[in-house]
Protein backbone atom coordinates (compact mmCIF):
# COMPACT_ATOMS: atom_id res chain seq x y z
CA MET A 1 86.65 122.97 67.38
CA LYS A 2 89.76 124.34 69.06
CA SER A 3 91.38 122.67 72.05
CA ALA A 4 94.26 123.36 74.42
CA ASP A 5 96.67 120.81 75.86
CA THR A 6 96.00 121.09 79.59
CA GLU A 7 97.95 119.53 82.47
CA PHE A 8 96.22 117.62 85.29
CA VAL A 9 97.71 117.76 88.80
CA GLY A 10 96.84 115.38 91.64
CA GLY A 11 94.48 112.44 91.74
CA PRO A 12 94.50 109.57 89.29
CA LEU A 13 95.29 111.79 86.28
CA ASP A 14 98.36 113.40 87.88
CA GLY A 15 100.92 114.34 85.23
CA THR A 16 98.55 113.69 82.34
CA VAL A 17 98.17 116.29 79.58
CA LEU A 18 94.90 116.12 77.64
CA PRO A 19 93.44 118.26 74.83
CA ILE A 20 90.50 120.11 76.41
CA PRO A 21 87.89 121.69 74.10
CA LEU A 22 87.82 125.47 74.40
CA GLY A 23 84.64 127.37 75.15
CA PRO A 24 83.21 130.31 73.18
CA MET A 25 85.64 132.76 74.84
CA LEU A 26 88.58 130.41 74.03
CA GLY A 27 89.06 129.30 77.62
CA VAL A 28 88.90 125.90 79.29
CA PRO A 29 85.89 125.14 81.54
CA LYS A 30 86.14 125.97 85.28
CA LYS A 31 85.49 122.33 86.21
CA TYR A 32 86.33 119.19 84.31
CA LYS A 33 84.52 115.99 85.29
CA VAL A 34 85.84 112.59 84.30
CA PRO A 35 83.35 109.71 84.60
CA VAL A 36 84.94 106.45 85.75
CA PRO A 37 82.83 103.34 85.08
CA ALA A 38 82.33 100.67 87.72
CA GLN A 39 85.00 97.97 87.73
CA GLY A 40 84.75 94.82 89.79
CA ASP A 41 83.69 95.76 93.33
CA SER A 42 84.33 99.51 92.97
CA PRO A 43 81.25 101.58 92.03
CA ALA A 44 81.09 104.11 89.20
CA ARG A 45 82.33 107.55 90.20
CA THR A 46 83.22 110.94 88.82
CA LEU A 47 86.64 112.57 89.21
CA VAL A 48 86.40 116.35 89.56
CA TYR A 49 89.21 118.71 88.56
CA VAL A 50 89.11 122.49 89.06
CA ARG A 51 90.79 125.03 86.78
CA SER A 52 93.79 126.83 88.30
CA LYS A 53 95.80 129.71 86.81
CA GLN A 54 99.56 129.17 86.80
CA VAL A 55 102.17 131.86 86.15
CA ARG A 56 105.66 131.24 84.74
CA GLY A 57 107.70 134.38 84.20
CA LEU A 58 105.62 136.80 82.14
CA SER A 59 103.20 134.19 80.78
CA TRP A 60 100.36 132.25 82.35
CA PHE A 61 98.39 129.11 81.54
CA TRP A 62 95.52 127.01 82.90
CA ARG A 63 95.86 123.63 84.52
CA TYR A 64 93.43 121.39 86.39
CA GLU A 65 93.92 120.45 90.05
CA TYR A 66 92.20 117.45 91.60
CA ASP A 67 89.27 118.31 93.89
CA GLU A 68 89.21 115.37 96.28
CA ALA A 69 86.24 116.65 98.31
CA ALA A 70 84.03 116.97 95.23
CA SER A 71 85.24 113.65 93.82
CA THR A 72 84.65 111.83 97.10
CA GLY A 73 81.23 113.41 97.45
CA SER A 74 80.19 112.11 94.04
CA THR A 75 80.98 108.50 94.97
CA ARG A 76 78.64 108.32 97.92
CA PRO A 77 75.11 107.08 97.27
CA THR A 78 72.46 109.72 97.73
CA GLU A 79 70.27 109.31 100.76
CA LEU A 80 66.54 109.14 100.29
CA SER A 81 64.63 112.01 101.81
CA GLY A 82 61.64 111.34 103.97
CA PRO A 83 60.85 110.20 107.48
CA ALA A 84 63.29 107.81 109.07
CA GLU A 85 62.10 104.42 110.19
CA PRO A 86 61.65 104.08 113.96
CA THR A 87 64.63 102.50 115.68
CA GLY A 88 63.25 102.27 119.20
CA PRO A 89 61.57 99.27 120.84
CA SER A 90 58.18 98.34 119.47
CA ASP A 91 55.16 97.71 121.69
């Protein structure tokens, strides 16, 4: 399987270059999710990076930029759907 060394910008992986497996069209995925296990009091979460095209001179390359909104959203517990419990005074 082919891979491409891809730079990560922003977030906890800022400045890191990792080999990312290439897809069938020899490109890196649009999003790259990094699961982070729970440690101590901090819950498990997923870091989300989004592919960004960078141009240098006449050549271009892909890199991943940290998506804080998507990463923050993945750390919040999901709320249960259904009727809310009454909060008013009881009779």
